[in-house]
Amino acid sequence: MSRLRRRAALMAAVALTTLVAACGDGDGGGGSGSIAEDYDLSDDQLNERGGGDTTRFVVGSKDFEEQEILGQITLQALQAAGAEVVDSTALGSTEQVRGALVAGDIDMYWEYTGTGALIHLAQADPPADAGELFDRVAELDLDRNGIAWLPAAPADNTYALVARTEIYDEGSAGYDADIAAVTRISDLAKLVKQSPDKATVCVGPEFNERADGLPGLEQQYGFRFPDAQVFVLPDPTVYEAVDAGSRCTFGSVFATNGLISELDLRSLEDDDDFFAAYNPALTLQAETLEKYPDLEPMFDDIAGRLDTETLRDLSAQVLVDKRSAEDVAADWLAEQGLVE
């Protein structure tokens, strides 16, 4: 197949999967039974298609809990379909994992639509609508970089700013009327300007530097935290630091993280709609999707089952219950009837 015809076919495939995602009911897509019943990525099936000797995938992920769970779901689903897999989850930062995909060092990983638009594709003004955002990211990434996006999950792992609930309780020792008035990010901007000594914030390393993190947030809302009031911590420790209240009153978090509910943290309203949608989707080289078309319906089905509450629950099992991402993924796939 010529490069032109291959690109046209892949563009049609992306358009079709986008339509499926937009029109679906959120219950998953293609499969009627377990993965083993519905899909075949075994060596025999590949050889029948003339594809080679071994169906082998290297699966990557970023190095935080939700990503590791998504990576393990992917690994185990591929194994159930008869493929060989190499575990390269918890590989590193966004830049490291994306670089590994583009270089061909890994075959696939789950990326977020907001990250795709703002970081990988440098879209300064991404669409606010989640479906339109996916459409743009899928089309541009395929055209520019040869990266295909499979249908996104309904879960939205957008960034959020949170505070501990105690600051809003007049009966608590941590109550402060000025801080308690902060329920929206625009209120936080006012606090920073009027009482900067009270505006302490803990942020993750990427949030501290990314255009869709603190720099962009400060620019859009028209304020700037004093340098001494910003504490850069590993992402998993931000939640407990905010809850403790000794170092910071506010913190940057991922909206699907189970510690938000576990610690009863309160999210500030993003009243100027700065944070884009961050729906996770499996990304892979377009040539891989062309070679293994069963990947699209298989992961359409899986993605459709992953809403925000589901990802919060799965991440809480790792963060709070101290279970392994591998075990959490295995149990979820079994509960969904996707593996036996």
C-alpha atoms as a PDB file:
ATOM      1  CA  MET A   1       0.000   0.000   0.000  1.00  0.00           C
ATOM      2  CA  SER A   2       1.380   3.433  -0.906  1.00  0.00           C
ATOM      3  CA  ARG A   3       2.183   5.985   1.818  1.00  0.00           C
ATOM      4  CA  LEU A   4      -0.630   8.227   0.538  1.00  0.00           C
ATOM      5  CA  ARG A   5      -3.215   5.446   0.549  1.00  0.00           C
ATOM      6  CA  ARG A   6      -2.014   4.243   3.967  1.00  0.00           C
ATOM      7  CA  ARG A   7      -2.369   7.769   5.427  1.00  0.00           C
ATOM      8  CA  ALA A   8      -5.870   8.105   3.949  1.00  0.00           C
ATOM      9  CA  ALA A   9      -6.889   4.758   5.397  1.00  0.00           C
ATOM     10  CA  LEU A  10      -5.533   5.663   8.813  1.00  0.00           C
ATOM     11  CA  MET A  11      -7.279   9.042   8.770  1.00  0.00           C
ATOM     12  CA  ALA A  12     -10.523   7.244   7.997  1.00  0.00           C
ATOM     13  CA  ALA A  13      -9.874   4.874  10.883  1.00  0.00           C
ATOM     14  CA  VAL A  14      -9.322   7.762  13.299  1.00  0.00           C
ATOM     15  CA  ALA A  15     -12.511   9.435  12.103  1.00  0.00           C
ATOM     16  CA  LEU A  16     -14.431   6.207  12.606  1.00  0.00           C
ATOM     17  CA  THR A  17     -13.092   5.619  16.115  1.00  0.00           C
ATOM     18  CA  THR A  18     -13.860   9.214  17.041  1.00  0.00           C
ATOM     19  CA  LEU A  19     -17.439   8.732  15.849  1.00  0.00           C
ATOM     20  CA  VAL A  20     -17.718   5.542  17.871  1.00  0.00           C
ATOM     21  CA  ALA A  21     -16.417   7.313  20.981  1.00  0.00           C
ATOM     22  CA  ALA A  22     -18.766  10.257  20.508  1.00  0.00           C
ATOM     23  CA  CYS A  23     -21.829   8.127  19.875  1.00  0.00           C
ATOM     24  CA  GLY A  24     -21.160   5.416  22.441  1.00  0.00           C
ATOM     25  CA  ASP A  25     -23.027   5.101  25.728  1.00  0.00           C
ATOM     26  CA  GLY A  26     -19.876   4.803  27.849  1.00  0.00           C
ATOM     27  CA  ASP A  27     -20.310   1.091  28.453  1.00  0.00           C
ATOM     28  CA  GLY A  28     -17.546   0.013  26.108  1.00  0.00           C
ATOM     29  CA  GLY A  29     -17.643  -0.979  22.530  1.00  0.00           C
ATOM     30  CA  GLY A  30     -16.748  -3.896  20.397  1.00  0.00           C
ATOM     31  CA  GLY A  31     -16.565  -7.067  22.434  1.00  0.00           C
ATOM     32  CA  SER A  32     -19.409  -9.486  23.105  1.00  0.00           C
ATOM     33  CA  GLY A  33     -17.476 -11.653  25.546  1.00  0.00           C
ATOM     34  CA  SER A  34     -14.001 -11.994  26.990  1.00  0.00           C
ATOM     35  CA  ILE A  35     -10.942 -10.671  25.203  1.00  0.00           C
ATOM     36  CA  ALA A  36      -9.775 -14.207  24.456  1.00  0.00           C
ATOM     37  CA  GLU A  37     -13.109 -14.960  22.763  1.00  0.00           C
ATOM     38  CA  ASP A  38     -13.311 -11.766  20.739  1.00  0.00           C
ATOM     39  CA  TYR A  39      -9.739 -11.050  19.657  1.00  0.00           C
ATOM     40  CA  ASP A  40      -6.759 -13.033  18.424  1.00  0.00           C
ATOM     41  CA  LEU A  41      -3.295 -11.479  18.446  1.00  0.00           C
ATOM     42  CA  SER A  42      -1.511 -14.822  18.597  1.00  0.00           C
ATOM     43  CA  ASP A  43       1.428 -15.772  16.405  1.00  0.00           C
ATOM     44  CA  ASP A  44      -0.797 -17.996  14.280  1.00  0.00           C
ATOM     45  CA  GLN A  45      -3.212 -15.175  13.542  1.00  0.00           C
ATOM     46  CA  LEU A  46      -0.378 -12.812  12.676  1.00  0.00           C
ATOM     47  CA  ASN A  47       1.196 -15.346  10.326  1.00  0.00           C
ATOM     48  CA  GLU A  48      -2.142 -15.835   8.567  1.00  0.00           C
ATOM     49  CA  ARG A  49      -2.086 -12.101   7.817  1.00  0.00           C
ATOM     50  CA  GLY A  50       1.482 -12.304   6.593  1.00  0.00           C
ATOM     51  CA  GLY A  51       2.693 -10.063   9.394  1.00  0.00           C
ATOM     52  CA  GLY A  52       5.704 -11.969  10.705  1.00  0.00           C
ATOM     53  CA  ASP A  53       6.709 -14.535  13.251  1.00  0.00           C
ATOM     54  CA  THR A  54       5.844 -13.034  16.636  1.00  0.00           C
ATOM     55  CA  THR A  55       3.153 -10.748  17.992  1.00  0.00           C
ATOM     56  CA  ARG A  56       5.114  -8.797  20.575  1.00  0.00           C
ATOM     57  CA  PHE A  57       4.349  -5.436  22.156  1.00  0.00           C
ATOM     58  CA  VAL A  58       6.387  -3.231  24.479  1.00  0.00           C
ATOM     59  CA  VAL A  59       3.921  -1.388  26.724  1.00  0.00           C
ATOM     60  CA  GLY A  60       4.994   1.803  28.462  1.00  0.00           C
ATOM     61  CA  SER A  61       3.518   4.191  30.990  1.00  0.00           C
ATOM     62  CA  LYS A  62       4.442   7.259  32.977  1.00  0.00           C
ATOM     63  CA  ASP A  63       5.646   6.791  36.518  1.00  0.00           C
ATOM     64  CA  PHE A  64       2.560   7.424  38.633  1.00  0.00           C
ATOM     65  CA  GLU A  65      -0.159   5.128  39.924  1.00  0.00           C
ATOM     66  CA  GLU A  66      -2.955   5.697  37.421  1.00  0.00           C
ATOM     67  CA  GLN A  67      -0.571   5.313  34.511  1.00  0.00           C
ATOM     68  CA  GLU A  68       0.858   2.117  35.947  1.00  0.00           C
ATOM     69  CA  ILE A  69      -2.662   0.708  36.335  1.00  0.00           C
ATOM     70  CA  LEU A  70      -3.544   1.617  32.745  1.00  0.00           C
ATOM     71  CA  GLY A  71      -0.291   0.069  31.599  1.00  0.00           C
ATOM     72  CA  GLN A  72      -1.028  -3.158  33.462  1.00  0.00           C
ATOM     73  CA  ILE A  73      -4.565  -3.296  32.054  1.00  0.00           C
ATOM     74  CA  THR A  74      -3.017  -2.983  28.596  1.00  0.00           C
ATOM     75  CA  LEU A  75      -0.385  -5.651  29.211  1.00  0.00           C
ATOM     76  CA  GLN A  76      -2.865  -8.162  30.569  1.00  0.00           C
ATOM     77  CA  ALA A  77      -5.422  -7.489  27.845  1.00  0.00           C
ATOM     78  CA  LEU A  78      -2.812  -8.077  25.163  1.00  0.00           C
ATOM     79  CA  GLN A  79      -1.717 -11.283  26.859  1.00  0.00           C
ATOM     80  CA  ALA A  80      -5.325 -12.464  27.002  1.00  0.00           C
ATOM     81  CA  ALA A  81      -5.538 -11.903  23.246  1.00  0.00           C
ATOM     82  CA  GLY A  82      -2.508 -14.135  22.708  1.00  0.00           C
ATOM     83  CA  ALA A  83       0.272 -11.583  22.302  1.00  0.00           C
ATOM     84  CA  GLU A  84       3.682 -11.538  23.939  1.00  0.00           C
ATOM     85  CA  VAL A  85       4.297  -8.408  26.023  1.00  0.00           C
ATOM     86  CA  VAL A  86       7.253  -6.566  27.487  1.00  0.00           C
ATOM     87  CA  ASP A  87       6.588  -4.505  30.614  1.00  0.00           C
ATOM     88  CA  SER A  88       8.071  -1.029  30.294  1.00  0.00           C
ATOM     89  CA  THR A  89       5.583   0.674  32.601  1.00  0.00           C
ATOM     90  CA  ALA A  90       6.660   3.358  35.083  1.00  0.00           C
ATOM     91  CA  LEU A  91       9.161   4.436  32.449  1.00  0.00           C
ATOM     92  CA  GLY A  92       9.413   8.078  33.505  1.00  0.00           C
ATOM     93  CA  SER A  93       8.028  11.539  32.822  1.00  0.00           C
ATOM     94  CA  THR A  94       5.671  12.604  30.049  1.00  0.00           C
ATOM     95  CA  GLU A  95       8.578  13.693  27.861  1.00  0.00           C
ATOM     96  CA  GLN A  96      10.473  10.432  28.393  1.00  0.00           C
ATOM     97  CA  VAL A  97       7.534   8.163  27.599  1.00  0.00           C
ATOM     98  CA  ARG A  98       6.374  10.166  24.613  1.00  0.00           C
ATOM     99  CA  GLY A  99       9.932  10.217  23.303  1.00  0.00           C
ATOM    100  CA  ALA A 100      10.135   6.446  23.673  1.00  0.00           C
ATOM    101  CA  LEU A 101       6.928   6.018  21.629  1.00  0.00           C
ATOM    102  CA  VAL A 102       8.052   8.345  18.855  1.00  0.00           C
ATOM    103  CA  ALA A 103      11.456   6.628  18.728  1.00  0.00           C
ATOM    104  CA  GLY A 104       9.864   3.176  18.594  1.00  0.00           C
ATOM    105  CA  ASP A 105      11.373   2.041  21.891  1.00  0.00           C
ATOM    106  CA  ILE A 106       7.864   1.252  23.153  1.00  0.00           C
ATOM    107  CA  ASP A 107       4.787   0.336  21.119  1.00  0.00           C
ATOM    108  CA  MET A 108       2.047   2.057  23.101  1.00  0.00           C
ATOM    109  CA  TYR A 109       1.075   3.980  26.216  1.00  0.00           C
ATOM    110  CA  TRP A 110      -1.927   5.913  27.512  1.00  0.00           C
ATOM    111  CA  GLU A 111      -1.747   9.657  26.971  1.00  0.00           C
ATOM    112  CA  TYR A 112      -4.176  12.426  27.909  1.00  0.00           C
ATOM    113  CA  THR A 113      -5.902  14.581  25.326  1.00  0.00           C
ATOM    114  CA  GLY A 114      -5.028  17.833  27.103  1.00  0.00           C
ATOM    115  CA  THR A 115      -1.378  16.840  27.275  1.00  0.00           C
ATOM    116  CA  GLY A 116      -1.429  15.886  23.621  1.00  0.00           C
ATOM    117  CA  ALA A 117      -2.822  19.246  22.586  1.00  0.00           C
ATOM    118  CA  LEU A 118      -0.858  21.559  24.852  1.00  0.00           C
ATOM    119  CA  ILE A 119       2.464  19.764  25.215  1.00  0.00           C
ATOM    120  CA  HIS A 120       3.048  17.460  22.246  1.00  0.00           C
ATOM    121  CA  LEU A 121       1.241  19.541  19.626  1.00  0.00           C
ATOM    122  CA  ALA A 122       1.707  23.044  21.105  1.00  0.00           C
ATOM    123  CA  GLN A 123      -1.923  24.068  20.682  1.00  0.00           C
ATOM    124  CA  ALA A 124      -2.220  27.390  22.513  1.00  0.00           C
ATOM    125  CA  ASP A 125      -6.025  27.431  22.559  1.00  0.00           C
ATOM    126  CA  PRO A 126      -7.385  23.850  22.557  1.00  0.00           C
ATOM    127  CA  PRO A 127     -11.139  23.289  22.253  1.00  0.00           C
ATOM    128  CA  ALA A 128     -13.031  23.275  25.550  1.00  0.00           C
ATOM    129  CA  ASP A 129     -15.315  20.473  24.355  1.00  0.00           C
ATOM    130  CA  ALA A 130     -13.761  17.082  25.112  1.00  0.00           C
ATOM    131  CA  GLY A 131     -14.929  15.496  21.851  1.00  0.00           C
ATOM    132  CA  GLU A 132     -13.620  18.344  19.728  1.00  0.00           C
ATOM    133  CA  LEU A 133     -10.334  18.242  21.612  1.00  0.00           C
ATOM    134  CA  PHE A 134      -9.929  14.525  20.880  1.00  0.00           C
ATOM    135  CA  ASP A 135     -10.728  15.095  17.201  1.00  0.00           C
ATOM    136  CA  ARG A 136      -8.076  17.793  16.888  1.00  0.00           C
ATOM    137  CA  VAL A 137      -5.388  15.875  18.763  1.00  0.00           C
ATOM    138  CA  ALA A 138      -6.015  12.637  16.869  1.00  0.00           C
ATOM    139  CA  GLU A 139      -5.937  14.335  13.486  1.00  0.00           C
ATOM    140  CA  LEU A 140      -2.888  16.530  14.128  1.00  0.00           C
ATOM    141  CA  ASP A 141      -0.791  13.858  15.830  1.00  0.00           C
ATOM    142  CA  LEU A 142      -1.455  11.393  13.041  1.00  0.00           C
ATOM    143  CA  ASP A 143      -0.675  13.941  10.344  1.00  0.00           C
ATOM    144  CA  ARG A 144       2.432  15.428  11.956  1.00  0.00           C
ATOM    145  CA  ASN A 145       3.947  12.526  13.839  1.00  0.00           C
ATOM    146  CA  GLY A 146       2.363   9.290  12.625  1.00  0.00           C
ATOM    147  CA  ILE A 147       0.874   8.660  16.081  1.00  0.00           C
ATOM    148  CA  ALA A 148      -2.619   7.137  16.267  1.00  0.00           C
ATOM    149  CA  TRP A 149      -5.013   7.773  19.156  1.00  0.00           C
ATOM    150  CA  LEU A 150      -7.532   5.049  19.969  1.00  0.00           C
ATOM    151  CA  PRO A 151     -10.921   6.156  21.384  1.00  0.00           C
ATOM    152  CA  ALA A 152     -10.563   8.034  24.661  1.00  0.00           C
ATOM    153  CA  ALA A 153     -12.031   6.989  27.991  1.00  0.00           C
ATOM    154  CA  PRO A 154     -14.773   9.159  29.535  1.00  0.00           C
ATOM    155  CA  ALA A 155     -12.597   9.673  32.651  1.00  0.00           C
ATOM    156  CA  ASP A 156     -11.198  13.195  32.907  1.00  0.00           C
ATOM    157  CA  ASN A 157      -7.856  13.332  34.694  1.00  0.00           C
ATOM    158  CA  THR A 158      -7.577  17.083  34.436  1.00  0.00           C
ATOM    159  CA  TYR A 159      -5.450  19.078  36.802  1.00  0.00           C
ATOM    160  CA  ALA A 160      -7.172  20.704  39.775  1.00  0.00           C
ATOM    161  CA  LEU A 161      -6.243  22.849  42.735  1.00  0.00           C
ATOM    162  CA  VAL A 162      -7.403  21.622  46.130  1.00  0.00           C
ATOM    163  CA  ALA A 163      -7.408  22.742  49.761  1.00  0.00           C
ATOM    164  CA  ARG A 164      -7.982  20.841  52.982  1.00  0.00           C
ATOM    165  CA  THR A 165     -11.582  20.932  54.184  1.00  0.00           C
ATOM    166  CA  GLU A 166     -10.645  22.197  57.675  1.00  0.00           C
ATOM    167  CA  ILE A 167      -9.869  25.725  56.460  1.00  0.00           C
ATOM    168  CA  TYR A 168     -13.554  26.207  55.655  1.00  0.00           C
ATOM    169  CA  ASP A 169     -14.739  25.135  59.114  1.00  0.00           C
ATOM    170  CA  GLU A 170     -15.015  28.037  61.548  1.00  0.00           C
ATOM    171  CA  GLY A 171     -14.749  25.596  64.427  1.00  0.00           C
ATOM    172  CA  SER A 172     -11.383  24.181  63.365  1.00  0.00           C
ATOM    173  CA  ALA A 173      -7.976  25.375  64.525  1.00  0.00           C
ATOM    174  CA  GLY A 174      -6.889  25.911  60.932  1.00  0.00           C
ATOM    175  CA  TYR A 175      -9.734  28.277  60.026  1.00  0.00           C
ATOM    176  CA  ASP A 176      -8.802  31.625  58.500  1.00  0.00           C
ATOM    177  CA  ALA A 177     -11.518  33.890  57.138  1.00  0.00           C
ATOM    178  CA  ASP A 178      -9.384  35.154  54.246  1.00  0.00           C
ATOM    179  CA  ILE A 179      -8.393  31.658  53.162  1.00  0.00           C
ATOM    180  CA  ALA A 180     -11.916  30.306  53.705  1.00  0.00           C
ATOM    181  CA  ALA A 181     -13.169  32.829  51.155  1.00  0.00           C
ATOM    182  CA  VAL A 182     -11.208  30.980  48.459  1.00  0.00           C
ATOM    183  CA  THR A 183     -13.594  28.620  46.692  1.00  0.00           C
ATOM    184  CA  ARG A 184     -12.622  29.505  43.113  1.00  0.00           C
ATOM    185  CA  ILE A 185      -9.259  29.995  41.444  1.00  0.00           C
ATOM    186  CA  SER A 186     -10.134  33.649  40.871  1.00  0.00           C
ATOM    187  CA  ASP A 187     -10.537  33.947  44.660  1.00  0.00           C
ATOM    188  CA  LEU A 188      -7.067  32.463  45.059  1.00  0.00           C
ATOM    189  CA  ALA A 189      -5.714  35.102  42.675  1.00  0.00           C
ATOM    190  CA  LYS A 190      -7.175  37.807  44.934  1.00  0.00           C
ATOM    191  CA  LEU A 191      -5.667  36.192  48.031  1.00  0.00           C
ATOM    192  CA  VAL A 192      -2.226  36.093  46.416  1.00  0.00           C
ATOM    193  CA  LYS A 193      -2.459  39.801  45.602  1.00  0.00           C
ATOM    194  CA  GLN A 194      -3.893  40.915  48.946  1.00  0.00           C
ATOM    195  CA  SER A 195      -2.302  38.509  51.447  1.00  0.00           C
ATOM    196  CA  PRO A 196       0.543  36.702  49.667  1.00  0.00           C
ATOM    197  CA  ASP A 197       1.926  35.316  52.920  1.00  0.00           C
ATOM    198  CA  LYS A 198      -1.229  33.201  53.273  1.00  0.00           C
ATOM    199  CA  ALA A 199      -1.105  31.783  49.757  1.00  0.00           C
ATOM    200  CA  THR A 200       1.168  28.759  49.977  1.00  0.00           C
ATOM    201  CA  VAL A 201       0.931  26.065  47.321  1.00  0.00           C
ATOM    202  CA  CYS A 202       2.473  22.613  46.774  1.00  0.00           C
ATOM    203  CA  VAL A 203       2.845  21.499  43.158  1.00  0.00           C
ATOM    204  CA  GLY A 204       4.254  18.559  41.255  1.00  0.00           C
ATOM    205  CA  PRO A 205       7.423  19.012  39.153  1.00  0.00           C
ATOM    206  CA  GLU A 206       5.637  18.939  35.786  1.00  0.00           C
ATOM    207  CA  PHE A 207       2.804  21.191  36.953  1.00  0.00           C
ATOM    208  CA  ASN A 208       5.400  23.709  38.089  1.00  0.00           C
ATOM    209  CA  GLU A 209       6.838  24.036  34.580  1.00  0.00           C
ATOM    210  CA  ARG A 210       4.246  23.081  31.991  1.00  0.00           C
ATOM    211  CA  ALA A 211       2.183  25.533  29.976  1.00  0.00           C
ATOM    212  CA  ASP A 212      -0.959  23.702  31.132  1.00  0.00           C
ATOM    213  CA  GLY A 213       0.241  23.949  34.747  1.00  0.00           C
ATOM    214  CA  LEU A 214       1.238  26.752  37.064  1.00  0.00           C
ATOM    215  CA  PRO A 215       2.823  29.172  34.545  1.00  0.00           C
ATOM    216  CA  GLY A 216      -0.227  29.126  32.302  1.00  0.00           C
ATOM    217  CA  LEU A 217      -2.640  29.243  35.235  1.00  0.00           C
ATOM    218  CA  GLU A 218      -0.950  32.336  36.676  1.00  0.00           C
ATOM    219  CA  GLN A 219      -0.970  34.012  33.274  1.00  0.00           C
ATOM    220  CA  GLN A 220      -4.645  33.347  32.596  1.00  0.00           C
ATOM    221  CA  TYR A 221      -5.828  34.401  36.051  1.00  0.00           C
ATOM    222  CA  GLY A 222      -3.457  37.350  36.258  1.00  0.00           C
ATOM    223  CA  PHE A 223      -1.434  36.635  39.395  1.00  0.00           C
ATOM    224  CA  ARG A 224       1.862  35.120  40.487  1.00  0.00           C
ATOM    225  CA  PHE A 225       2.702  33.190  43.625  1.00  0.00           C
ATOM    226  CA  PRO A 226       5.772  34.544  45.465  1.00  0.00           C
ATOM    227  CA  ASP A 227       8.633  32.119  44.812  1.00  0.00           C
ATOM    228  CA  ALA A 228       8.982  31.401  48.521  1.00  0.00           C
ATOM    229  CA  GLN A 229       5.335  30.321  48.682  1.00  0.00           C
ATOM    230  CA  VAL A 230       5.658  27.586  46.028  1.00  0.00           C
ATOM    231  CA  PHE A 231       6.873  24.146  47.146  1.00  0.00           C
ATOM    232  CA  VAL A 232       7.727  21.626  44.423  1.00  0.00           C
ATOM    233  CA  LEU A 233       7.163  18.067  45.654  1.00  0.00           C
ATOM    234  CA  PRO A 234       6.821  14.626  44.075  1.00  0.00           C
ATOM    235  CA  ASP A 235       3.233  14.396  42.839  1.00  0.00           C
ATOM    236  CA  PRO A 236       2.134  11.607  45.235  1.00  0.00           C
ATOM    237  CA  THR A 237       3.206  13.643  48.283  1.00  0.00           C
ATOM    238  CA  VAL A 238       1.260  16.796  47.395  1.00  0.00           C
ATOM    239  CA  TYR A 239      -2.047  15.372  48.622  1.00  0.00           C
ATOM    240  CA  GLU A 240      -0.869  14.615  52.147  1.00  0.00           C
ATOM    241  CA  ALA A 241       1.104  17.869  52.312  1.00  0.00           C
ATOM    242  CA  VAL A 242      -2.102  19.823  51.632  1.00  0.00           C
ATOM    243  CA  ASP A 243      -4.022  17.706  54.123  1.00  0.00           C
ATOM    244  CA  ALA A 244      -1.380  18.294  56.806  1.00  0.00           C
ATOM    245  CA  GLY A 245      -1.469  22.039  56.229  1.00  0.00           C
ATOM    246  CA  SER A 246       1.943  22.699  57.724  1.00  0.00           C
ATOM    247  CA  ARG A 247       3.712  23.548  54.481  1.00  0.00           C
ATOM    248  CA  CYS A 248       0.995  24.531  52.042  1.00  0.00           C
ATOM    249  CA  THR A 249      -2.688  25.417  52.048  1.00  0.00           C
ATOM    250  CA  PHE A 250      -3.333  24.651  48.379  1.00  0.00           C
ATOM    251  CA  GLY A 251      -2.010  22.005  46.017  1.00  0.00           C
ATOM    252  CA  SER A 252      -2.051  20.757  42.428  1.00  0.00           C
ATOM    253  CA  VAL A 253      -3.622  17.324  41.958  1.00  0.00           C
ATOM    254  CA  PHE A 254      -4.943  14.951  39.317  1.00  0.00           C
ATOM    255  CA  ALA A 255      -8.746  14.861  39.325  1.00  0.00           C
ATOM    256  CA  THR A 256      -8.946  11.055  39.138  1.00  0.00           C
ATOM    257  CA  ASN A 257      -6.620  10.437  42.086  1.00  0.00           C
ATOM    258  CA  GLY A 258      -8.242   8.410  44.862  1.00  0.00           C
ATOM    259  CA  LEU A 259      -6.571  10.446  47.619  1.00  0.00           C
ATOM    260  CA  ILE A 260      -8.878  13.402  46.914  1.00  0.00           C
ATOM    261  CA  SER A 261     -11.815  11.476  48.359  1.00  0.00           C
ATOM    262  CA  GLU A 262      -9.755   9.580  50.927  1.00  0.00           C
ATOM    263  CA  LEU A 263      -8.388  12.809  52.460  1.00  0.00           C
ATOM    264  CA  ASP A 264     -11.601  14.782  51.882  1.00  0.00           C
ATOM    265  CA  LEU A 265      -9.841  17.519  49.921  1.00  0.00           C
ATOM    266  CA  ARG A 266     -11.905  20.304  48.398  1.00  0.00           C
ATOM    267  CA  SER A 267     -11.397  21.302  44.753  1.00  0.00           C
ATOM    268  CA  LEU A 268     -11.373  24.962  43.767  1.00  0.00           C
ATOM    269  CA  GLU A 269     -13.678  25.899  40.914  1.00  0.00           C
ATOM    270  CA  ASP A 270     -11.803  26.623  37.700  1.00  0.00           C
ATOM    271  CA  ASP A 271     -14.109  29.556  36.996  1.00  0.00           C
ATOM    272  CA  ASP A 272     -12.148  30.811  33.978  1.00  0.00           C
ATOM    273  CA  ASP A 273     -12.003  27.318  32.414  1.00  0.00           C
ATOM    274  CA  PHE A 274      -8.219  27.164  32.239  1.00  0.00           C
ATOM    275  CA  PHE A 275      -7.737  23.411  32.601  1.00  0.00           C
ATOM    276  CA  ALA A 276      -8.412  21.434  29.441  1.00  0.00           C
ATOM    277  CA  ALA A 277     -10.012  17.990  29.340  1.00  0.00           C
ATOM    278  CA  TYR A 278      -7.550  15.165  30.006  1.00  0.00           C
ATOM    279  CA  ASN A 279      -9.249  12.033  28.735  1.00  0.00           C
ATOM    280  CA  PRO A 280      -6.855   9.069  28.612  1.00  0.00           C
ATOM    281  CA  ALA A 281      -6.453   7.243  25.315  1.00  0.00           C
ATOM    282  CA  LEU A 282      -4.080   4.535  24.165  1.00  0.00           C
ATOM    283  CA  THR A 283      -1.550   5.995  21.723  1.00  0.00           C
ATOM    284  CA  LEU A 284       0.607   4.000  19.325  1.00  0.00           C
ATOM    285  CA  GLN A 285       2.485   4.259  16.077  1.00  0.00           C
ATOM    286  CA  ALA A 286       0.019   4.423  13.179  1.00  0.00           C
ATOM    287  CA  GLU A 287       1.859   1.580  11.460  1.00  0.00           C
ATOM    288  CA  THR A 288       1.218  -0.607  14.502  1.00  0.00           C
ATOM    289  CA  LEU A 289      -2.513   0.048  14.274  1.00  0.00           C
ATOM    290  CA  GLU A 290      -2.476  -0.732  10.569  1.00  0.00           C
ATOM    291  CA  LYS A 291      -0.695  -4.024  11.232  1.00  0.00           C
ATOM    292  CA  TYR A 292      -2.940  -5.007  14.161  1.00  0.00           C
ATOM    293  CA  PRO A 293      -6.426  -3.588  13.478  1.00  0.00           C
ATOM    294  CA  ASP A 294      -7.970  -5.626  16.327  1.00  0.00           C
ATOM    295  CA  LEU A 295      -6.307  -3.234  18.776  1.00  0.00           C
ATOM    296  CA  GLU A 296      -8.879  -0.549  17.990  1.00  0.00           C
ATOM    297  CA  PRO A 297     -12.106  -2.370  18.948  1.00  0.00           C
ATOM    298  CA  MET A 298     -10.408  -4.143  21.851  1.00  0.00           C
ATOM    299  CA  PHE A 299      -9.243  -0.933  23.515  1.00  0.00           C
ATOM    300  CA  ASP A 300     -12.387   0.949  22.520  1.00  0.00           C
ATOM    301  CA  ASP A 301     -14.232  -1.570  24.697  1.00  0.00           C
ATOM    302  CA  ILE A 302     -11.759  -1.184  27.554  1.00  0.00           C
ATOM    303  CA  ALA A 303     -11.623   2.615  27.403  1.00  0.00           C
ATOM    304  CA  GLY A 304     -15.397   2.917  27.435  1.00  0.00           C
ATOM    305  CA  ARG A 305     -15.493   1.286  30.877  1.00  0.00           C
ATOM    306  CA  LEU A 306     -13.044   3.742  32.473  1.00  0.00           C
ATOM    307  CA  ASP A 307     -14.901   6.723  33.897  1.00  0.00           C
ATOM    308  CA  THR A 308     -13.588   9.168  36.498  1.00  0.00           C
ATOM    309  CA  GLU A 309     -15.002   7.311  39.501  1.00  0.00           C
ATOM    310  CA  THR A 310     -13.577   4.023  38.251  1.00  0.00           C
ATOM    311  CA  LEU A 311     -10.076   5.461  37.940  1.00  0.00           C
ATOM    312  CA  ARG A 312     -10.368   7.083  41.375  1.00  0.00           C
ATOM    313  CA  ASP A 313     -11.322   3.738  42.866  1.00  0.00           C
ATOM    314  CA  LEU A 314      -8.538   1.870  41.093  1.00  0.00           C
ATOM    315  CA  SER A 315      -5.910   4.420  42.080  1.00  0.00           C
ATOM    316  CA  ALA A 316      -7.135   4.386  45.695  1.00  0.00           C
ATOM    317  CA  GLN A 317      -6.545   0.643  45.807  1.00  0.00           C
ATOM    318  CA  VAL A 318      -2.888   1.298  45.026  1.00  0.00           C
ATOM    319  CA  LEU A 319      -2.407   4.506  47.016  1.00  0.00           C
ATOM    320  CA  VAL A 320      -4.502   3.726  50.087  1.00  0.00           C
ATOM    321  CA  ASP A 321      -4.803  -0.066  50.196  1.00  0.00           C
ATOM    322  CA  LYS A 322      -1.184  -0.531  49.052  1.00  0.00           C
ATOM    323  CA  ARG A 323      -2.032  -3.111  46.407  1.00  0.00           C
ATOM    324  CA  SER A 324       0.108  -3.556  43.323  1.00  0.00           C
ATOM    325  CA  ALA A 325      -0.993  -2.011  40.042  1.00  0.00           C
ATOM    326  CA  GLU A 326      -0.697  -5.470  38.484  1.00  0.00           C
ATOM    327  CA  ASP A 327      -3.174  -7.017  40.941  1.00  0.00           C
ATOM    328  CA  VAL A 328      -5.591  -4.096  40.720  1.00  0.00           C
ATOM    329  CA  ALA A 329      -5.619  -4.326  36.921  1.00  0.00           C
ATOM    330  CA  ALA A 330      -6.120  -8.107  37.008  1.00  0.00           C
ATOM    331  CA  ASP A 331      -9.081  -7.865  39.359  1.00  0.00           C
ATOM    332  CA  TRP A 332     -10.726  -5.107  37.326  1.00  0.00           C
ATOM    333  CA  LEU A 333     -10.379  -7.012  34.051  1.00  0.00           C
ATOM    334  CA  ALA A 334     -11.885 -10.095  35.704  1.00  0.00           C
ATOM    335  CA  GLU A 335     -14.755  -8.096  37.237  1.00  0.00           C
ATOM    336  CA  GLN A 336     -15.537  -6.683  33.811  1.00  0.00           C
ATOM    337  CA  GLY A 337     -15.617 -10.179  32.309  1.00  0.00           C
ATOM    338  CA  LEU A 338     -12.779  -9.294  29.963  1.00  0.00           C
ATOM    339  CA  VAL A 339     -10.445 -12.020  31.186  1.00  0.00           C
ATOM    340  CA  GLU A 340     -11.190 -15.334  32.847  1.00  0.00           C
END
